[in-house]
Amino acid sequence: MKIWGNIFALGYDRFMAATENAGLRTYRENLLRAASGRVLEIGGGTGANLPFYGEGVTELMVAEPEPPMMRQLRRKVHGYRIPTTILSAPAEQLPVPAETFDCVVSTLVLCTVPDPARALVEVRRVLKNRGQLLFIEHVRSEDPGLARWQDRLRRPWAWFGHGCQCNRSTVETIRSTGFSLSKLECLELAKAPPIVRPLVIGNAARGV
């Protein structure tokens, strides 16, 4: 997996190019208009969100646990217009104080973290009262037939996708960890394999 992790990181942007051009880039741009203040992005990967953070973001911290991804990310952060810190940490263990951030961003991350519920509890911890979680995630299909295929192909897809799980009920996990959904759209990830097409985009409030 270590060898594949290096290959996966090097080829990630190229592999995702068709999907980004078919709408994912626009989804990122629209979502990140709502980001402001001190922002934490979990699972920042190769930095696909960096072009879309606006002037309202005063400080950005990007957490990424995978060294091959981090190497790609560092190249893009060099000279970036927003003060940015790269944090070598998984989403489940963020070495930052509670109630630090106004906003946390997660895009195509909760499908891959080993423990999404624990990651979301940690996200809630570092958010300020009434802070926002902004997310784009592919999820388990509501179509029973496609959901069965997601279950069947979960293991081979996880190997190919370097840990990505195609059948997670992420919206339910967001709700169960203390967030209140303020906006939710159910869409499709175009130019992607059918098992990872079901997509959710939304805002969730931490609450008091």
Protein backbone atom coordinates (compact mmCIF):
# COMPACT_ATOMS: atom_id res chain seq x y z
CA MET A 1 0.00 0.00 0.00
CA LYS A 2 2.94 2.34 0.62
CA ILE A 3 4.09 2.00 -2.99
CA TRP A 4 0.53 2.41 -4.25
CA GLY A 5 0.10 5.43 -1.97
CA ASN A 6 2.99 7.18 -3.70
CA ILE A 7 1.64 6.33 -7.15
CA PHE A 8 -1.88 7.37 -6.12
CA ALA A 9 -0.71 10.78 -4.87
CA LEU A 10 1.38 11.46 -7.97
CA GLY A 11 -1.50 10.62 -10.30
CA TYR A 12 -4.41 11.95 -8.26
CA ASP A 13 -4.87 15.31 -10.01
CA ARG A 14 -4.66 13.70 -13.44
CA PHE A 15 -7.03 10.89 -12.45
CA MET A 16 -9.60 13.39 -11.14
CA ALA A 17 -9.29 15.89 -14.02
CA ALA A 18 -12.32 14.68 -16.00
CA THR A 19 -14.53 14.69 -12.91
CA GLU A 20 -13.30 18.14 -11.86
CA ASN A 21 -14.00 19.52 -15.34
CA ALA A 22 -17.46 17.87 -15.43
CA GLY A 23 -18.70 19.77 -12.40
CA LEU A 24 -16.73 18.98 -9.26
CA ARG A 25 -14.63 22.13 -9.60
CA THR A 26 -17.82 24.22 -9.76
CA TYR A 27 -19.20 22.41 -6.70
CA ARG A 28 -16.01 23.26 -4.80
CA GLU A 29 -16.16 26.90 -5.85
CA ASN A 30 -19.81 27.30 -4.85
CA LEU A 31 -19.33 25.56 -1.50
CA LEU A 32 -16.25 27.51 -0.47
CA ARG A 33 -17.93 30.89 -0.97
CA ALA A 34 -19.36 30.27 2.51
CA ALA A 35 -15.92 29.78 4.11
CA SER A 36 -14.70 32.70 6.23
CA GLY A 37 -12.55 33.54 9.21
CA ARG A 38 -10.20 30.88 10.52
CA VAL A 39 -10.67 27.77 8.38
CA LEU A 40 -9.49 24.20 8.81
CA GLU A 41 -9.55 21.79 5.89
CA ILE A 42 -9.28 18.11 6.80
CA GLY A 43 -7.75 15.66 4.37
CA GLY A 44 -6.48 18.44 2.15
CA GLY A 45 -4.88 15.97 -0.29
CA THR A 46 -3.10 17.66 -3.17
CA GLY A 47 -4.78 21.04 -2.55
CA ALA A 48 -7.69 20.94 -4.99
CA ASN A 49 -9.66 23.46 -2.91
CA LEU A 50 -6.95 26.11 -2.72
CA PRO A 51 -8.07 28.14 -5.78
CA PHE A 52 -11.53 28.67 -4.30
CA TYR A 53 -11.01 30.15 -0.84
CA GLY A 54 -12.15 33.76 -0.88
CA GLU A 55 -11.04 37.00 0.73
CA GLY A 56 -13.18 36.27 3.79
CA VAL A 57 -10.74 33.55 4.86
CA THR A 58 -8.20 35.17 7.18
CA GLU A 59 -6.22 32.04 8.04
CA LEU A 60 -6.14 28.51 6.65
CA MET A 61 -4.89 25.31 8.20
CA VAL A 62 -4.81 22.16 6.06
CA ALA A 63 -4.56 18.79 7.80
CA GLU A 64 -3.24 15.88 5.73
CA PRO A 65 -1.92 12.58 7.16
CA GLU A 66 -0.39 11.08 4.00
CA PRO A 67 3.22 12.19 3.26
CA PRO A 68 2.92 11.62 -0.54
CA MET A 69 -0.18 13.84 -0.67
CA MET A 70 1.49 16.39 1.57
CA ARG A 71 4.41 16.74 -0.83
CA GLN A 72 2.00 17.69 -3.62
CA LEU A 73 0.15 20.04 -1.27
CA ARG A 74 3.30 21.88 -0.17
CA ARG A 75 4.14 22.75 -3.77
CA LYS A 76 0.74 24.40 -4.23
CA VAL A 77 0.81 26.25 -0.90
CA HIS A 78 4.17 27.87 -1.68
CA GLY A 79 3.42 31.56 -2.30
CA TYR A 80 -0.31 31.11 -1.63
CA ARG A 81 -2.15 34.40 -0.99
CA ILE A 82 -3.78 33.25 2.31
CA PRO A 83 -1.62 32.60 5.41
CA THR A 84 -1.59 28.79 5.46
CA THR A 85 -0.26 26.11 7.77
CA ILE A 86 0.02 22.47 6.76
CA LEU A 87 -0.63 20.08 9.62
CA SER A 88 0.54 16.46 9.48
CA ALA A 89 -2.42 14.87 11.25
CA PRO A 90 -5.41 12.62 10.62
CA ALA A 91 -8.91 14.04 11.00
CA GLU A 92 -9.50 11.80 14.03
CA GLN A 93 -6.64 13.41 16.00
CA LEU A 94 -6.25 17.13 15.41
CA PRO A 95 -3.57 18.66 17.67
CA VAL A 96 -5.31 22.03 18.00
CA PRO A 97 -7.30 23.55 20.89
CA ALA A 98 -11.07 23.30 21.12
CA GLU A 99 -13.22 25.98 19.50
CA THR A 100 -10.42 27.30 17.30
CA PHE A 101 -12.05 27.52 13.87
CA ASP A 102 -15.00 29.33 12.34
CA CYS A 103 -15.29 26.78 9.55
CA VAL A 104 -14.13 23.25 8.74
CA VAL A 105 -14.05 21.97 5.16
CA SER A 106 -14.26 18.31 4.11
CA THR A 107 -14.33 17.38 0.42
CA LEU A 108 -14.15 13.70 -0.54
CA VAL A 109 -12.54 12.88 2.80
CA LEU A 110 -15.10 11.18 5.05
CA CYS A 111 -15.21 8.28 2.58
CA THR A 112 -11.57 7.51 3.36
CA VAL A 113 -10.85 8.29 7.01
CA PRO A 114 -10.66 5.08 9.07
CA ASP A 115 -13.25 6.29 11.60
CA PRO A 116 -15.61 8.95 10.18
CA ALA A 117 -17.66 9.28 13.38
CA ARG A 118 -14.55 9.94 15.43
CA ALA A 119 -13.32 12.42 12.80
CA LEU A 120 -16.59 14.34 12.96
CA VAL A 121 -16.54 14.43 16.76
CA GLU A 122 -13.05 15.92 16.50
CA VAL A 123 -14.23 18.43 13.87
CA ARG A 124 -17.05 19.46 16.18
CA ARG A 125 -14.56 19.90 19.03
CA VAL A 126 -12.33 22.32 17.11
CA LEU A 127 -15.21 24.37 15.71
CA LYS A 128 -16.38 27.47 17.52
CA ASN A 129 -19.96 27.65 18.76
CA ARG A 130 -22.19 27.87 15.69
CA GLY A 131 -19.23 27.20 13.43
CA GLN A 132 -19.90 25.55 10.07
CA LEU A 133 -18.86 22.26 8.52
CA LEU A 134 -18.84 22.57 4.71
CA PHE A 135 -18.75 19.26 2.89
CA ILE A 136 -18.80 17.47 -0.45
CA GLU A 137 -18.86 13.70 -0.05
CA HIS A 138 -19.82 10.70 -2.14
CA VAL A 139 -22.15 8.40 -0.22
CA ARG A 140 -24.14 5.21 -0.15
CA SER A 141 -26.81 5.21 -2.85
CA GLU A 142 -30.49 5.43 -1.99
CA ASP A 143 -31.11 3.06 -4.91
CA PRO A 144 -31.11 -0.47 -3.42
CA GLY A 145 -29.60 -2.02 -6.53
CA LEU A 146 -26.67 0.37 -6.71
CA ALA A 147 -26.19 0.15 -2.93
CA ARG A 148 -25.79 -3.63 -3.24
CA TRP A 149 -23.11 -3.13 -5.88
CA GLN A 150 -21.38 -0.63 -3.60
CA ASP A 151 -21.30 -3.28 -0.88
CA ARG A 152 -19.99 -5.94 -3.26
CA LEU A 153 -17.25 -3.74 -4.69
CA ARG A 154 -16.25 -1.97 -1.48
CA ARG A 155 -13.06 -3.96 -0.89
CA PRO A 156 -11.56 -3.81 -4.40
CA TRP A 157 -12.51 -0.13 -4.68
CA ALA A 158 -10.88 0.56 -1.30
CA TRP A 159 -7.64 -0.93 -2.60
CA PHE A 160 -7.78 1.09 -5.82
CA GLY A 161 -8.89 4.27 -4.04
CA HIS A 162 -6.24 3.96 -1.31
CA GLY A 163 -8.77 3.38 1.46
CA CYS A 164 -11.84 5.03 -0.08
CA GLN A 165 -15.11 3.36 1.01
CA CYS A 166 -17.90 3.68 -1.55
CA ASN A 167 -20.84 2.72 0.67
CA ARG A 168 -20.78 5.01 3.70
CA SER A 169 -23.96 6.68 4.98
CA THR A 170 -22.16 9.93 5.65
CA VAL A 171 -25.16 12.22 6.13
CA GLU A 172 -26.47 10.00 8.91
CA THR A 173 -23.03 10.07 10.55
CA ILE A 174 -22.92 13.87 10.37
CA ARG A 175 -26.31 14.07 12.09
CA SER A 176 -25.44 11.46 14.73
CA THR A 177 -22.30 13.32 15.83
CA GLY A 178 -24.13 16.46 16.90
CA PHE A 179 -24.35 18.57 13.75
CA SER A 180 -27.48 20.27 12.49
CA LEU A 181 -27.80 20.29 8.70
CA SER A 182 -28.64 23.74 7.40
CA LYS A 183 -28.28 22.88 3.70
CA LEU A 184 -28.11 19.60 1.80
CA GLU A 185 -28.08 18.85 -1.93
CA CYS A 186 -28.10 15.35 -3.41
CA LEU A 187 -26.35 15.27 -6.78
CA GLU A 188 -24.12 13.03 -8.90
CA LEU A 189 -20.38 13.00 -9.37
CA ALA A 190 -20.14 13.15 -13.16
CA LYS A 191 -17.43 11.26 -15.05
CA ALA A 192 -16.96 8.94 -12.06
CA PRO A 193 -17.61 5.19 -11.70
CA PRO A 194 -21.26 4.49 -10.79
CA ILE A 195 -20.44 3.25 -7.29
CA VAL A 196 -19.05 6.68 -6.33
CA ARG A 197 -21.49 8.89 -8.20
CA PRO A 198 -24.07 9.55 -5.43
CA LEU A 199 -22.96 12.88 -3.99
CA VAL A 200 -24.02 15.14 -1.15
CA ILE A 201 -23.07 18.79 -0.72
CA GLY A 202 -24.00 20.75 2.35
CA ASN A 203 -23.49 22.98 5.36
CA ALA A 204 -23.86 21.70 8.91
CA ALA A 205 -23.82 23.83 12.05
CA ARG A 206 -21.98 22.81 15.20
CA GLY A 207 -24.55 24.35 17.49
CA VAL A 208 -23.91 25.47 21.06
